């Protein structure tokens, strides 16, 4: 009797595993594989969107905040990100697109509104270029696209620390409604 119960249990477990594997395979095959341009665009917009949210969310009176005197302020980091994005877009386009200074002057982008718009525009312009150049264009500069997207991600992590030092929960860590 014990042997029979054991065999029934094994067969039932195998049936469940095989059924789950078949369902997973069906779900995987119904999802379209992303093209290189779609994958880069998705990552670009994801991290770009997070940074835009931070730029909009961070209080204007704290835009000058620095964790230590020798590091960039919140505003400096945001200007740097957008300027670096335009550095990439200039490389891709082979011509001047936007403001490609790596660290644009605080006099040029003084207010929170100006900085938010600068960051937004750099992300939007990047997304438009990715869509326009497609897979071939993305693949020809793939290392650059990956590197600059990673660059945005690194600064996102840096700004999370600015939030935490100030006792503020970053937007992405807040409970979703």
Protein backbone atom coordinates (compact mmCIF):
# COMPACT_ATOMS: atom_id res chain seq x y z
CA UNK A 1 0.00 0.00 0.00
CA UNK A 2 2.84 2.41 0.80
CA UNK A 3 4.44 1.74 -2.59
CA UNK A 4 1.20 2.47 -4.39
CA UNK A 5 0.68 5.78 -2.52
CA UNK A 6 4.28 6.74 -3.30
CA UNK A 7 3.79 6.05 -7.04
CA UNK A 8 0.55 8.04 -7.13
CA UNK A 9 2.31 10.96 -5.43
CA UNK A 10 5.23 10.83 -7.89
CA UNK A 11 2.93 10.67 -10.91
CA UNK A 12 0.81 13.56 -9.59
CA UNK A 13 3.91 15.69 -8.92
CA UNK A 14 5.30 14.97 -12.39
CA UNK A 15 1.96 15.85 -13.97
CA UNK A 16 1.89 19.17 -12.14
CA UNK A 17 5.48 19.98 -13.16
CA UNK A 18 4.91 19.08 -16.80
CA UNK A 19 1.71 21.11 -16.90
CA UNK A 20 3.46 24.14 -15.39
CA UNK A 21 6.33 23.80 -17.86
CA UNK A 22 3.92 23.61 -20.80
CA UNK A 23 2.06 26.71 -19.60
CA UNK A 24 5.32 28.61 -19.15
CA UNK A 25 6.44 27.62 -22.64
CA UNK A 26 3.12 28.77 -24.10
CA UNK A 27 3.36 32.11 -22.31
CA UNK A 28 6.96 32.59 -23.41
CA UNK A 29 6.21 31.86 -27.05
CA UNK A 30 3.29 34.30 -27.10
CA UNK A 31 5.54 37.15 -25.99
CA UNK A 32 7.35 38.78 -28.89
CA UNK A 33 11.11 38.98 -28.60
CA UNK A 34 12.19 42.62 -28.51
CA UNK A 35 14.32 44.01 -31.29
CA UNK A 36 17.57 45.75 -30.28
CA UNK A 37 15.98 49.19 -30.73
CA UNK A 38 12.93 48.18 -28.66
CA UNK A 39 15.16 46.84 -25.87
CA UNK A 40 17.36 49.95 -25.79
CA UNK A 41 14.31 52.22 -25.95
CA UNK A 42 12.67 50.37 -23.08
CA UNK A 43 15.75 50.71 -20.87
CA UNK A 44 16.37 54.33 -21.92
CA UNK A 45 12.77 55.32 -21.11
CA UNK A 46 12.71 53.33 -17.86
CA UNK A 47 15.72 54.93 -16.24
CA UNK A 48 15.05 58.27 -17.93
CA UNK A 49 11.52 58.23 -16.54
CA UNK A 50 12.79 57.48 -13.04
CA UNK A 51 15.16 60.43 -13.23
CA UNK A 52 12.44 62.74 -14.54
CA UNK A 53 10.24 61.67 -11.63
CA UNK A 54 13.06 62.46 -9.22
CA UNK A 55 13.68 65.86 -10.84
CA UNK A 56 9.99 66.71 -10.49
CA UNK A 57 9.65 65.23 -7.01
CA UNK A 58 12.70 66.73 -5.29
CA UNK A 59 11.89 69.99 -3.45
CA UNK A 60 13.25 73.08 -5.17
CA UNK A 61 14.77 74.36 -1.92
CA UNK A 62 16.90 71.19 -1.78
CA UNK A 63 18.20 71.35 -5.36
CA UNK A 64 21.47 72.73 -3.95
CA UNK A 65 21.84 69.83 -1.46
CA UNK A 66 25.23 68.06 -1.42
CA UNK A 67 25.97 65.11 0.88
CA UNK A 68 29.53 66.45 1.18
CA UNK A 69 31.02 69.74 -0.02
CA UNK A 70 33.23 68.08 -2.64
CA UNK A 71 30.42 66.28 -4.51
CA UNK A 72 27.81 67.54 -6.95
CA UNK A 73 24.56 69.00 -5.73
CA UNK A 74 21.27 67.42 -6.74
CA UNK A 75 20.89 70.10 -9.42
CA UNK A 76 24.47 69.54 -10.64
CA UNK A 77 23.81 65.80 -11.02
CA UNK A 78 20.63 66.42 -13.00
CA UNK A 79 22.37 68.94 -15.29
CA UNK A 80 25.23 66.47 -15.75
CA UNK A 81 22.89 63.61 -16.70
CA UNK A 82 21.04 65.66 -19.31
CA UNK A 83 24.28 67.13 -20.70
CA UNK A 84 25.79 63.65 -20.97
CA UNK A 85 22.66 62.38 -22.71
CA UNK A 86 23.15 65.08 -25.33
CA UNK A 87 26.82 64.10 -25.63
CA UNK A 88 25.62 60.65 -26.69
CA UNK A 89 22.98 62.03 -29.04
CA UNK A 90 25.61 64.21 -30.72
CA UNK A 91 27.81 61.13 -31.26
CA UNK A 92 24.91 59.17 -32.72
CA UNK A 93 23.70 62.00 -34.95
CA UNK A 94 27.13 63.30 -35.94
CA UNK A 95 25.90 66.85 -35.33
CA UNK A 96 24.93 69.15 -32.46
CA UNK A 97 21.74 68.08 -30.76
CA UNK A 98 20.70 70.00 -27.66
CA UNK A 99 23.14 71.19 -25.04
CA UNK A 100 26.01 68.71 -25.03
CA UNK A 101 28.14 70.22 -22.29
CA UNK A 102 28.97 67.39 -19.89
CA UNK A 103 28.34 69.70 -16.94
CA UNK A 104 26.22 72.61 -18.20
CA UNK A 105 26.59 75.88 -16.36
CA UNK A 106 24.36 76.51 -13.34
CA UNK A 107 23.74 79.95 -14.84
CA UNK A 108 22.16 78.36 -17.91
CA UNK A 109 19.84 76.03 -15.95
CA UNK A 110 19.18 77.82 -12.67
CA UNK A 111 15.71 76.85 -11.55
CA UNK A 112 14.07 73.54 -10.82
CA UNK A 113 11.68 74.10 -13.74
CA UNK A 114 14.57 74.70 -16.15
CA UNK A 115 16.43 71.61 -14.94
CA UNK A 116 13.33 69.40 -15.06
CA UNK A 117 12.67 70.52 -18.64
CA UNK A 118 16.33 69.93 -19.60
CA UNK A 119 16.29 66.37 -18.23
CA UNK A 120 12.90 65.62 -19.83
CA UNK A 121 14.00 66.96 -23.20
CA UNK A 122 17.23 64.93 -23.18
CA UNK A 123 15.30 61.71 -22.49
CA UNK A 124 12.58 62.54 -25.05
CA UNK A 125 15.16 63.45 -27.70
CA UNK A 126 17.03 60.20 -27.04
CA UNK A 127 13.83 58.17 -27.37
CA UNK A 128 12.93 59.92 -30.63
CA UNK A 129 16.37 59.21 -32.07
CA UNK A 130 16.22 55.53 -31.06
CA UNK A 131 12.85 55.20 -32.78
CA UNK A 132 14.12 56.99 -35.89
CA UNK A 133 17.41 55.10 -36.32
CA UNK A 134 15.93 51.69 -35.55
CA UNK A 135 17.82 48.46 -35.05
CA UNK A 136 20.63 49.16 -37.49
CA UNK A 137 21.39 52.56 -36.03
CA UNK A 138 21.19 51.31 -32.45
CA UNK A 139 23.44 48.35 -33.23
CA UNK A 140 26.07 50.59 -34.83
CA UNK A 141 26.46 52.46 -31.51
CA UNK A 142 25.24 49.77 -29.11
CA UNK A 143 28.17 50.15 -26.70
CA UNK A 144 27.42 53.86 -26.44
CA UNK A 145 23.69 53.36 -25.89
CA UNK A 146 24.35 50.77 -23.19
CA UNK A 147 27.07 52.86 -21.57
CA UNK A 148 25.04 56.05 -21.41
CA UNK A 149 21.95 54.23 -20.17
CA UNK A 150 24.10 52.67 -17.47
CA UNK A 151 25.45 56.15 -16.73
CA UNK A 152 21.91 57.36 -16.05
CA UNK A 153 21.37 54.33 -13.81
CA UNK A 154 24.52 55.03 -11.82
CA UNK A 155 23.39 58.59 -11.15
CA UNK A 156 19.91 57.36 -10.26
CA UNK A 157 21.56 55.27 -7.52
CA UNK A 158 23.56 58.29 -6.40
CA UNK A 159 20.39 60.37 -6.10
CA UNK A 160 18.67 57.63 -4.09
CA UNK A 161 21.36 58.26 -1.48
CA UNK A 162 20.52 62.00 -1.53
CA UNK A 163 16.91 61.07 -0.79
CA UNK A 164 17.83 58.69 2.02
CA UNK A 165 20.26 61.13 3.68
CA UNK A 166 17.38 63.63 3.78
CA UNK A 167 15.01 61.06 5.28
CA UNK A 168 12.92 60.93 2.11
CA UNK A 169 11.77 57.73 0.41
CA UNK A 170 12.68 57.76 -3.30
CA UNK A 171 9.67 57.66 -5.67
CA UNK A 172 10.39 54.11 -6.91
CA UNK A 173 10.56 52.79 -3.32
CA UNK A 174 7.21 54.23 -2.29
CA UNK A 175 4.19 51.94 -2.07
CA UNK A 176 2.33 51.72 -5.37
CA UNK A 177 -1.27 52.92 -5.36
